[in-house]
Amino acid sequence: MSWDTTRSTSSAARVGAHEARQRLEHERNARLAQLRALKDTEGAGQEADDLLSAQRGAVGRALKEIEAAFARLEEGTYGLCRECSRPIPVERLEILPYASACVPCQQRAG
């Protein structure tokens, strides 16, 4: 399914493929900047290193989700919930452009 096909059936179509790609690129760049900043603060002691490690893990997971969103954009499934296949509200995608589920399905997943 192409983005143009999804466009007619998804509320995410109002976002547009170009805008979605820009938002995802912005998110990716922000996360990469976070990783660089975390690397610059290493060596501050064991407790700080444990916290930094947890933060690096969270940023790494976000980067994987962003890359998966790029793949969904290419597949034409960007903006559709992975659980219920309904469109993810545009407002959610504006806040979290790499969201893969609508809020109700995300809440059920835990």
Protein backbone atom coordinates (compact mmCIF):
# COMPACT_ATOMS: atom_id res chain seq x y z
CA MET A 1 0.00 0.00 0.00
CA SER A 2 1.50 3.34 -0.97
CA TRP A 3 1.33 6.54 1.03
CA ASP A 4 -1.13 7.90 -1.58
CA THR A 5 -3.48 4.96 -0.99
CA THR A 6 -3.22 5.35 2.77
CA ARG A 7 -3.79 9.08 2.35
CA SER A 8 -7.42 8.60 1.37
CA THR A 9 -8.25 6.33 4.30
CA SER A 10 -6.10 7.68 7.14
CA SER A 11 -6.47 10.76 9.28
CA ALA A 12 -2.68 10.78 9.24
CA ALA A 13 -2.97 11.83 5.61
CA ARG A 14 -3.54 15.39 6.79
CA VAL A 15 0.02 15.29 8.08
CA GLY A 16 1.40 14.39 4.65
CA ALA A 17 4.35 12.17 3.82
CA HIS A 18 6.81 15.06 3.51
CA GLU A 19 5.80 16.58 6.84
CA ALA A 20 5.87 13.17 8.54
CA ARG A 21 9.37 12.54 7.20
CA GLN A 22 10.51 15.96 8.47
CA ARG A 23 9.10 15.30 11.93
CA LEU A 24 10.75 11.89 12.08
CA GLU A 25 14.08 13.34 10.95
CA HIS A 26 13.79 16.03 13.63
CA GLU A 27 13.06 13.36 16.28
CA ARG A 28 15.99 11.24 15.10
CA ASN A 29 18.37 14.23 15.16
CA ALA A 30 17.19 15.20 18.64
CA ARG A 31 17.77 11.66 19.95
CA LEU A 32 21.23 11.49 18.35
CA ALA A 33 22.08 14.82 20.03
CA GLN A 34 20.92 13.33 23.34
CA LEU A 35 23.24 10.36 22.85
CA ARG A 36 26.18 12.70 22.15
CA ALA A 37 25.38 14.72 25.27
CA LEU A 38 25.15 11.56 27.37
CA LYS A 39 28.51 10.39 26.06
CA ASP A 40 30.07 13.71 27.09
CA THR A 41 28.95 13.18 30.70
CA GLU A 42 30.39 9.67 31.18
CA GLY A 43 32.76 8.93 34.03
CA ALA A 44 30.94 10.83 36.77
CA GLY A 45 30.79 7.86 39.15
CA GLN A 46 28.94 4.54 39.34
CA GLU A 47 25.53 5.94 40.26
CA ALA A 48 25.69 8.53 37.49
CA ASP A 49 26.95 5.90 35.03
CA ASP A 50 23.99 3.65 35.88
CA LEU A 51 21.60 6.52 35.20
CA LEU A 52 23.40 7.38 31.96
CA SER A 53 23.20 3.76 30.87
CA ALA A 54 19.44 3.73 31.47
CA GLN A 55 19.06 6.99 29.56
CA ARG A 56 21.13 5.65 26.65
CA GLY A 57 18.88 2.59 26.56
CA ALA A 58 15.74 4.73 26.43
CA VAL A 59 17.17 6.90 23.67
CA GLY A 60 18.25 3.78 21.75
CA ARG A 61 14.73 2.36 21.97
CA ALA A 62 13.29 5.65 20.71
CA LEU A 63 15.72 5.60 17.77
CA LYS A 64 14.57 2.07 16.87
CA GLU A 65 10.94 3.23 16.99
CA ILE A 66 11.80 6.19 14.76
CA GLU A 67 13.50 3.91 12.22
CA ALA A 68 10.46 1.61 12.29
CA ALA A 69 8.25 4.65 11.61
CA PHE A 70 10.40 5.49 8.57
CA ALA A 71 9.83 1.92 7.35
CA ARG A 72 6.05 2.26 7.88
CA LEU A 73 6.15 5.49 5.91
CA GLU A 74 7.84 3.69 3.02
CA GLU A 75 5.40 0.75 3.27
CA GLY A 76 2.39 3.06 3.29
CA THR A 77 1.24 1.98 6.74
CA TYR A 78 2.46 5.06 8.61
CA GLY A 79 -0.33 6.53 10.71
CA LEU A 80 -2.23 3.26 11.09
CA CYS A 81 -2.41 1.54 14.46
CA ARG A 82 -0.42 -1.72 14.51
CA GLU A 83 -3.08 -3.31 16.74
CA CYS A 84 -6.48 -2.25 15.41
CA SER A 85 -5.43 -0.92 11.96
CA ARG A 86 -7.43 2.26 12.51
CA PRO A 87 -5.89 5.65 11.77
CA ILE A 88 -3.83 7.16 14.57
CA PRO A 89 -5.16 10.67 15.26
CA VAL A 90 -3.10 13.38 13.63
CA GLU A 91 -2.75 15.13 16.97
CA ARG A 92 -0.98 12.08 18.40
CA LEU A 93 1.35 11.90 15.40
CA GLU A 94 2.15 15.59 15.79
CA ILE A 95 3.23 14.98 19.39
CA LEU A 96 4.82 11.56 18.86
CA PRO A 97 5.55 11.16 15.14
CA TYR A 98 6.85 7.62 15.61
CA ALA A 99 3.72 6.37 17.39
CA SER A 100 2.77 2.93 16.13
CA ALA A 101 -0.48 2.56 18.04
CA CYS A 102 -3.50 4.65 18.90
CA VAL A 103 -3.88 5.67 22.55
CA PRO A 104 -6.49 3.01 23.48
CA CYS A 105 -4.39 0.19 22.01
CA GLN A 106 -1.21 1.58 23.59
CA GLN A 107 -2.93 1.68 26.99
CA ARG A 108 -4.13 -1.91 26.62
CA ALA A 109 -0.61 -3.01 25.71
CA GLY A 110 0.62 -1.71 28.99
